[in-house]
Amino acid sequence: MTAKASTLNSRIERTAAAFATTLEERASEAIALWLERLQQWNARIDLTAARSEDELVDLMLADAMVLAPRIPAEARVVDVGTGAGAPGLALALLRPDLRLTLVEPLAKRAAFLRTVLGTVERADVVIERRRGEALAGRRVWDVAVSRATLAPTAWLDLAVTLVRPGGSAWVLLAKDAMPGHSRAVVEEDIGYAWPLTAACRHAVRYGVVS
């Protein structure tokens, strides 16, 4: 193991410990491979805004560790605007039982995701290279999530058209107020901090009622 890989693995372990998450060896190895590959690509192509390893691990992993234990078994999950894989690819690596659709319109990010998926043995993850709005009305997913792709109210407007009635839409918030919606009700509001950079976040789960 190189010194760089060692520091990255240490940060992954610290993040898991902060959320009381036990990482299986296979998941830990897959997450490390994904983030190492992301660092390599980032040196040539701007895939994330992370300026340090602390920011990288928090940005890519922390939200997924909050969501992972709260998503039902074998759920169909869509992540709109997944970018380099947060939180959707992280969820796929943490929860192999989930069926993930990663929606990302930018070719360079979609290419990165395909490269990673080709090496971590998650062939059942689907990549949709398009804007989330192109999927509106399909309503085939149990859970929808997105981070910073749209303003919270606009995301919730889209999410309720993606999720079946009785499913869940997650809104991930930094400083924005929690939005309301006529077709979704707040079922859970989780406040937490990213463990390595101390950035404050909220994850709000909405039940889609119609």
Protein backbone atom coordinates (compact mmCIF):
# COMPACT_ATOMS: atom_id res chain seq x y z
CA MET A 1 0.00 0.00 0.00
CA THR A 2 1.37 3.42 -0.92
CA ALA A 3 1.52 6.25 1.62
CA LYS A 4 -1.19 8.09 -0.34
CA ALA A 5 -3.49 5.05 -0.32
CA SER A 6 -2.85 4.61 3.40
CA THR A 7 -3.95 8.17 4.24
CA LEU A 8 -7.07 7.79 2.10
CA ASN A 9 -7.98 4.50 3.79
CA SER A 10 -7.47 6.11 7.19
CA ARG A 11 -9.93 8.86 6.28
CA ILE A 12 -12.48 6.32 5.04
CA GLU A 13 -12.19 4.43 8.34
CA ARG A 14 -12.58 7.63 10.38
CA THR A 15 -15.69 8.57 8.42
CA ALA A 16 -17.23 5.14 8.93
CA ALA A 17 -16.46 5.27 12.65
CA ALA A 18 -18.08 8.70 12.96
CA PHE A 19 -21.36 7.25 11.68
CA ALA A 20 -21.00 3.95 13.56
CA THR A 21 -20.77 2.14 10.23
CA THR A 22 -19.02 -1.21 10.02
CA LEU A 23 -17.46 -1.58 6.59
CA GLU A 24 -17.09 -5.07 5.21
CA GLU A 25 -13.66 -5.66 3.68
CA ARG A 26 -15.07 -5.87 0.16
CA ALA A 27 -16.93 -2.57 0.55
CA SER A 28 -13.91 -0.86 2.07
CA GLU A 29 -11.68 -1.97 -0.79
CA ALA A 30 -14.21 -0.88 -3.42
CA ILE A 31 -14.65 2.57 -1.83
CA ALA A 32 -10.89 3.06 -1.63
CA LEU A 33 -10.48 2.02 -5.28
CA TRP A 34 -13.24 4.44 -6.35
CA LEU A 35 -11.73 7.39 -4.48
CA GLU A 36 -8.19 6.61 -5.60
CA ARG A 37 -9.40 6.48 -9.20
CA LEU A 38 -11.24 9.76 -8.64
CA GLN A 39 -8.03 11.41 -7.46
CA GLN A 40 -6.24 10.17 -10.57
CA TRP A 41 -8.93 11.46 -12.92
CA ASN A 42 -9.22 14.74 -11.02
CA ALA A 43 -5.58 15.47 -11.79
CA ARG A 44 -6.54 15.64 -15.48
CA ILE A 45 -10.28 16.37 -15.52
CA ASP A 46 -12.22 18.50 -13.05
CA LEU A 47 -14.72 16.03 -11.57
CA THR A 48 -15.21 17.41 -8.04
CA ALA A 49 -14.70 20.63 -6.12
CA ALA A 50 -12.74 18.87 -3.36
CA ARG A 51 -9.45 20.61 -2.56
CA SER A 52 -8.07 18.09 -0.07
CA GLU A 53 -8.44 14.43 0.88
CA ASP A 54 -10.60 15.43 3.87
CA GLU A 55 -12.97 17.29 1.57
CA LEU A 56 -12.93 14.47 -0.97
CA VAL A 57 -13.90 11.76 1.52
CA ASP A 58 -16.55 13.91 3.20
CA LEU A 59 -18.01 15.03 -0.12
CA MET A 60 -18.19 11.58 -1.66
CA LEU A 61 -18.95 9.36 1.32
CA ALA A 62 -20.46 11.08 4.36
CA ASP A 63 -24.02 11.65 3.08
CA ALA A 64 -24.27 8.06 1.84
CA MET A 65 -23.30 6.75 5.27
CA VAL A 66 -26.22 8.70 6.76
CA LEU A 67 -28.66 7.40 4.13
CA ALA A 68 -27.50 3.79 3.82
CA PRO A 69 -29.05 2.38 7.03
CA ARG A 70 -32.31 4.23 6.34
CA ILE A 71 -33.10 2.82 2.90
CA PRO A 72 -35.27 -0.34 2.73
CA ALA A 73 -33.76 -3.63 1.64
CA GLU A 74 -33.55 -4.20 -2.13
CA ALA A 75 -34.98 -0.76 -2.86
CA ARG A 76 -34.79 0.75 -6.32
CA VAL A 77 -32.89 4.02 -5.87
CA VAL A 78 -32.29 6.86 -8.34
CA ASP A 79 -29.58 9.48 -7.79
CA VAL A 80 -30.10 12.51 -10.01
CA GLY A 81 -26.99 14.48 -10.91
CA THR A 82 -24.68 11.97 -9.27
CA GLY A 83 -21.52 13.61 -10.63
CA ALA A 84 -18.56 11.40 -9.70
CA GLY A 85 -20.87 9.14 -7.68
CA ALA A 86 -22.11 10.93 -4.58
CA PRO A 87 -24.20 9.75 -2.97
CA GLY A 88 -25.45 7.09 -5.40
CA LEU A 89 -22.29 5.13 -6.16
CA ALA A 90 -21.32 5.24 -2.49
CA LEU A 91 -24.72 3.76 -1.64
CA ALA A 92 -24.19 1.01 -4.20
CA LEU A 93 -20.86 0.09 -2.59
CA LEU A 94 -22.20 0.28 0.96
CA ARG A 95 -25.45 -1.57 0.18
CA PRO A 96 -25.01 -4.25 -2.52
CA ASP A 97 -28.69 -5.20 -2.18
CA LEU A 98 -29.85 -1.86 -3.57
CA ARG A 99 -30.64 -1.37 -7.26
CA LEU A 100 -29.13 1.97 -8.25
CA THR A 101 -29.76 4.22 -11.22
CA LEU A 102 -27.13 6.95 -11.51
CA VAL A 103 -28.29 9.91 -13.60
CA GLU A 104 -25.53 12.16 -14.94
CA PRO A 105 -25.67 14.23 -18.15
CA LEU A 106 -21.96 15.12 -18.47
CA ALA A 107 -19.97 12.71 -20.64
CA LYS A 108 -16.73 12.92 -18.66
CA ARG A 109 -18.47 12.06 -15.39
CA ALA A 110 -20.48 9.25 -16.95
CA ALA A 111 -17.26 7.84 -18.42
CA PHE A 112 -15.63 7.95 -15.00
CA LEU A 113 -18.57 6.11 -13.42
CA ARG A 114 -18.44 3.40 -16.07
CA THR A 115 -14.71 2.96 -15.50
CA VAL A 116 -15.19 2.54 -11.76
CA LEU A 117 -18.13 0.17 -12.14
CA GLY A 118 -16.02 -1.97 -14.43
CA THR A 119 -13.58 -2.59 -11.58
CA VAL A 120 -15.76 -2.91 -8.44
CA GLU A 121 -18.10 -5.73 -9.50
CA ARG A 122 -21.37 -3.81 -9.42
CA ALA A 123 -22.59 -4.54 -12.92
CA ASP A 124 -26.24 -4.12 -11.86
CA VAL A 125 -25.85 -0.35 -11.40
CA VAL A 126 -27.45 1.54 -14.31
CA ILE A 127 -26.01 4.80 -15.65
CA GLU A 128 -28.42 7.15 -17.41
CA ARG A 129 -26.53 9.85 -19.29
CA ARG A 130 -29.24 12.48 -19.34
CA ARG A 131 -30.77 15.22 -17.23
CA GLY A 132 -33.05 14.16 -14.42
CA GLU A 133 -35.96 16.06 -15.95
CA ALA A 134 -35.92 13.58 -18.85
CA LEU A 135 -37.04 10.87 -16.42
CA ALA A 136 -39.97 12.83 -14.98
CA GLY A 137 -43.16 10.82 -14.72
CA ARG A 138 -41.61 7.34 -14.79
CA ARG A 139 -42.33 6.72 -11.07
CA VAL A 140 -40.54 3.35 -10.99
CA TRP A 141 -38.19 4.02 -8.05
CA ASP A 142 -38.70 3.45 -4.35
CA VAL A 143 -36.23 6.15 -3.31
CA ALA A 144 -34.96 9.30 -5.03
CA VAL A 145 -31.97 11.35 -3.89
CA SER A 146 -29.97 14.25 -5.25
CA ARG A 147 -27.39 16.63 -3.86
CA ALA A 148 -26.99 20.22 -5.06
CA THR A 149 -28.11 19.48 -8.62
CA LEU A 150 -31.25 21.59 -8.24
CA ALA A 151 -32.49 24.00 -5.62
CA PRO A 152 -34.30 22.04 -2.86
CA THR A 153 -37.82 23.04 -3.93
CA ALA A 154 -37.11 22.29 -7.61
CA TRP A 155 -35.57 18.93 -6.67
CA LEU A 156 -38.60 17.95 -4.61
CA ASP A 157 -40.89 18.94 -7.51
CA LEU A 158 -38.95 16.53 -9.72
CA ALA A 159 -38.51 13.80 -7.11
CA VAL A 160 -42.23 13.28 -6.58
CA THR A 161 -42.53 12.47 -10.31
CA LEU A 162 -39.83 9.79 -10.05
CA VAL A 163 -40.92 7.90 -6.94
CA ARG A 164 -43.87 5.55 -6.67
CA PRO A 165 -46.61 6.52 -4.16
CA GLY A 166 -45.46 5.39 -0.75
CA GLY A 167 -41.79 5.79 -1.66
CA SER A 168 -39.29 8.29 -0.32
CA ALA A 169 -37.55 11.41 -1.63
CA TRP A 170 -34.43 12.61 0.19
CA VAL A 171 -33.44 16.26 0.20
CA LEU A 172 -29.84 16.96 1.29
CA LEU A 173 -29.44 20.45 2.70
CA ALA A 174 -26.54 22.68 3.68
CA LYS A 175 -27.90 26.15 4.45
CA ASP A 176 -31.20 26.06 2.56
CA ALA A 177 -34.51 25.92 4.38
CA MET A 178 -36.47 22.68 4.34
CA PRO A 179 -39.02 22.94 1.50
CA GLY A 180 -42.68 21.98 1.72
CA HIS A 181 -44.69 20.13 -0.93
CA SER A 182 -48.33 19.23 -1.50
CA ARG A 183 -47.44 15.67 -2.59
CA ALA A 184 -44.84 14.84 0.04
CA VAL A 185 -44.68 14.93 3.83
CA VAL A 186 -41.62 15.16 6.05
CA GLU A 187 -41.00 11.82 7.78
CA GLU A 188 -37.47 12.27 9.11
CA ASP A 189 -35.05 15.19 9.55
CA ILE A 190 -31.46 14.24 10.41
CA GLY A 191 -28.90 16.84 11.38
CA TYR A 192 -25.25 15.83 11.22
CA ALA A 193 -21.76 17.09 10.45
CA TRP A 194 -19.32 15.79 7.90
CA PRO A 195 -16.71 14.24 10.19
CA LEU A 196 -13.48 15.41 8.53
CA THR A 197 -14.39 19.00 7.67
CA ALA A 198 -17.17 19.67 10.22
CA ALA A 199 -19.55 20.99 7.53
CA CYS A 200 -23.13 20.98 8.88
CA ARG A 201 -25.77 19.12 6.89
CA HIS A 202 -29.40 17.97 7.07
CA ALA A 203 -30.89 14.95 5.34
CA VAL A 204 -34.69 15.19 5.12
CA ARG A 205 -36.78 12.22 4.11
CA TYR A 206 -40.16 12.94 2.50
CA GLY A 207 -42.82 10.33 2.05
CA VAL A 208 -44.43 10.65 -1.38
CA VAL A 209 -48.17 10.46 -0.87
CA SER A 210 -49.58 10.75 -4.39
